[in-house]
C-alpha cells in the first residue's frame, strides 16, 4: 500500500509488454468480481498507471513513483477502469 487507496506493484525482470499485460490482468480480474457487502454485489474498478525503469538507470525511486502517479491520474481523467502507460 503506497497511499490511501494506492498500491504499488514491482515486477522484476519484466519488460514493458509484460508489465502492461500484468496491469491489464489485475484490472480485468478486479472488474469481473464484485465485492459483496451486506448481501449487495458492489462493482469495483481500478485505474492503473505503469512506469518503467531498468537496473542501474538514472531513474530515482521518487521519479519512478511520480511517473506512475501521473499515469494513474491520466487513466482516471480519461475514463477510469483502464491501464495507462
C-alpha atoms as a PDB file:
ATOM      1  CA  UNK A   1       0.000   0.000   0.000  1.00  0.00           C
ATOM      2  CA  UNK A   2       1.561   3.249  -1.147  1.00  0.00           C
ATOM      3  CA  UNK A   3      -1.153   5.770  -0.337  1.00  0.00           C
ATOM      4  CA  UNK A   4      -4.709   5.898   0.932  1.00  0.00           C
ATOM      5  CA  UNK A   5      -6.123   3.847  -1.908  1.00  0.00           C
ATOM      6  CA  UNK A   6      -2.992   3.476  -3.999  1.00  0.00           C
ATOM      7  CA  UNK A   7      -0.888   0.348  -4.277  1.00  0.00           C
ATOM      8  CA  UNK A   8       2.488  -0.317  -5.869  1.00  0.00           C
ATOM      9  CA  UNK A   9       3.438  -3.486  -7.718  1.00  0.00           C
ATOM     10  CA  UNK A  10       7.105  -4.064  -8.529  1.00  0.00           C
ATOM     11  CA  UNK A  11       7.799  -6.511 -11.339  1.00  0.00           C
ATOM     12  CA  UNK A  12      11.379  -7.738 -11.556  1.00  0.00           C
ATOM     13  CA  UNK A  13      12.694  -8.993 -14.885  1.00  0.00           C
ATOM     14  CA  UNK A  14       9.590  -7.774 -16.710  1.00  0.00           C
ATOM     15  CA  UNK A  15       9.624  -5.744 -19.911  1.00  0.00           C
ATOM     16  CA  UNK A  16       7.085  -3.058 -20.872  1.00  0.00           C
ATOM     17  CA  UNK A  17       4.748  -5.515 -22.617  1.00  0.00           C
ATOM     18  CA  UNK A  18       4.841  -7.865 -19.637  1.00  0.00           C
ATOM     19  CA  UNK A  19       4.096  -5.005 -17.245  1.00  0.00           C
ATOM     20  CA  UNK A  20       1.152  -3.868 -19.374  1.00  0.00           C
ATOM     21  CA  UNK A  21      -0.204  -7.414 -19.600  1.00  0.00           C
ATOM     22  CA  UNK A  22       0.086  -7.853 -15.834  1.00  0.00           C
ATOM     23  CA  UNK A  23      -1.607  -4.496 -15.184  1.00  0.00           C
ATOM     24  CA  UNK A  24      -4.433  -5.361 -17.571  1.00  0.00           C
ATOM     25  CA  UNK A  25      -4.867  -8.774 -15.949  1.00  0.00           C
ATOM     26  CA  UNK A  26      -5.106  -7.134 -12.495  1.00  0.00           C
ATOM     27  CA  UNK A  27      -7.611  -4.592 -13.827  1.00  0.00           C
ATOM     28  CA  UNK A  28      -9.825  -7.175 -15.509  1.00  0.00           C
ATOM     29  CA  UNK A  29      -9.867  -9.600 -12.550  1.00  0.00           C
ATOM     30  CA  UNK A  30     -10.910  -6.819 -10.173  1.00  0.00           C
ATOM     31  CA  UNK A  31     -13.620  -5.572 -12.569  1.00  0.00           C
ATOM     32  CA  UNK A  32     -15.026  -9.094 -13.064  1.00  0.00           C
ATOM     33  CA  UNK A  33     -15.577  -9.849  -9.373  1.00  0.00           C
ATOM     34  CA  UNK A  34     -17.964  -7.537  -7.491  1.00  0.00           C
ATOM     35  CA  UNK A  35     -17.429  -7.087  -3.768  1.00  0.00           C
ATOM     36  CA  UNK A  36     -20.225  -8.476  -1.595  1.00  0.00           C
ATOM     37  CA  UNK A  37     -21.308  -6.175   1.237  1.00  0.00           C
ATOM     38  CA  UNK A  38     -24.388  -6.854   3.351  1.00  0.00           C
ATOM     39  CA  UNK A  39     -25.844  -9.039   0.612  1.00  0.00           C
ATOM     40  CA  UNK A  40     -25.269  -6.478  -2.137  1.00  0.00           C
ATOM     41  CA  UNK A  41     -22.849  -7.024  -5.027  1.00  0.00           C
ATOM     42  CA  UNK A  42     -20.863  -3.806  -5.499  1.00  0.00           C
ATOM     43  CA  UNK A  43     -18.942  -3.410  -8.762  1.00  0.00           C
ATOM     44  CA  UNK A  44     -15.323  -2.321  -8.310  1.00  0.00           C
ATOM     45  CA  UNK A  45     -12.947  -0.958 -10.926  1.00  0.00           C
ATOM     46  CA  UNK A  46      -9.302   0.059 -10.864  1.00  0.00           C
ATOM     47  CA  UNK A  47      -7.196   2.552 -12.791  1.00  0.00           C
ATOM     48  CA  UNK A  48      -3.515   1.689 -13.201  1.00  0.00           C
ATOM     49  CA  UNK A  49      -0.518   3.812 -14.106  1.00  0.00           C
ATOM     50  CA  UNK A  50       2.536   1.931 -15.412  1.00  0.00           C
ATOM     51  CA  UNK A  51       6.089   3.291 -15.179  1.00  0.00           C
ATOM     52  CA  UNK A  52       9.315   1.506 -16.063  1.00  0.00           C
ATOM     53  CA  UNK A  53      12.956   1.646 -15.043  1.00  0.00           C
ATOM     54  CA  UNK A  54      15.881  -0.586 -15.834  1.00  0.00           C
ATOM     55  CA  UNK A  55      18.537  -1.594 -13.330  1.00  0.00           C
ATOM     56  CA  UNK A  56      21.298   0.948 -12.963  1.00  0.00           C
ATOM     57  CA  UNK A  57      19.319   3.651 -14.783  1.00  0.00           C
ATOM     58  CA  UNK A  58      19.396   7.267 -13.639  1.00  0.00           C
ATOM     59  CA  UNK A  59      15.730   6.911 -12.626  1.00  0.00           C
ATOM     60  CA  UNK A  60      15.257   7.519  -8.902  1.00  0.00           C
ATOM     61  CA  UNK A  61      12.539   5.890  -6.829  1.00  0.00           C
ATOM     62  CA  UNK A  62      10.859   9.266  -6.353  1.00  0.00           C
ATOM     63  CA  UNK A  63      10.886   9.945 -10.114  1.00  0.00           C
ATOM     64  CA  UNK A  64       9.518   6.499 -10.891  1.00  0.00           C
ATOM     65  CA  UNK A  65       6.698   6.845  -8.361  1.00  0.00           C
ATOM     66  CA  UNK A  66       5.878  10.335  -9.664  1.00  0.00           C
ATOM     67  CA  UNK A  67       5.707   8.992 -13.229  1.00  0.00           C
ATOM     68  CA  UNK A  68       3.431   6.109 -12.212  1.00  0.00           C
ATOM     69  CA  UNK A  69       1.244   8.506 -10.205  1.00  0.00           C
ATOM     70  CA  UNK A  70       0.891  10.868 -13.188  1.00  0.00           C
ATOM     71  CA  UNK A  71      -0.109   7.968 -15.414  1.00  0.00           C
ATOM     72  CA  UNK A  72      -2.617   6.804 -12.809  1.00  0.00           C
ATOM     73  CA  UNK A  73      -4.270  10.224 -12.869  1.00  0.00           C
ATOM     74  CA  UNK A  74      -4.213  10.208 -16.694  1.00  0.00           C
ATOM     75  CA  UNK A  75      -6.117   6.918 -16.561  1.00  0.00           C
ATOM     76  CA  UNK A  76      -8.654   8.432 -14.178  1.00  0.00           C
ATOM     77  CA  UNK A  77      -9.089  11.560 -16.327  1.00  0.00           C
ATOM     78  CA  UNK A  78      -9.654   9.524 -19.483  1.00  0.00           C
ATOM     79  CA  UNK A  79     -12.412   7.283 -18.228  1.00  0.00           C
ATOM     80  CA  UNK A  80     -11.216   5.191 -15.265  1.00  0.00           C
ATOM     81  CA  UNK A  81     -11.082   1.392 -15.179  1.00  0.00           C
ATOM     82  CA  UNK A  82      -8.098   1.389 -17.527  1.00  0.00           C
ATOM     83  CA  UNK A  83      -4.343   0.970 -17.756  1.00  0.00           C
ATOM     84  CA  UNK A  84      -2.198   3.955 -18.746  1.00  0.00           C
ATOM     85  CA  UNK A  85       1.467   3.634 -19.716  1.00  0.00           C
END
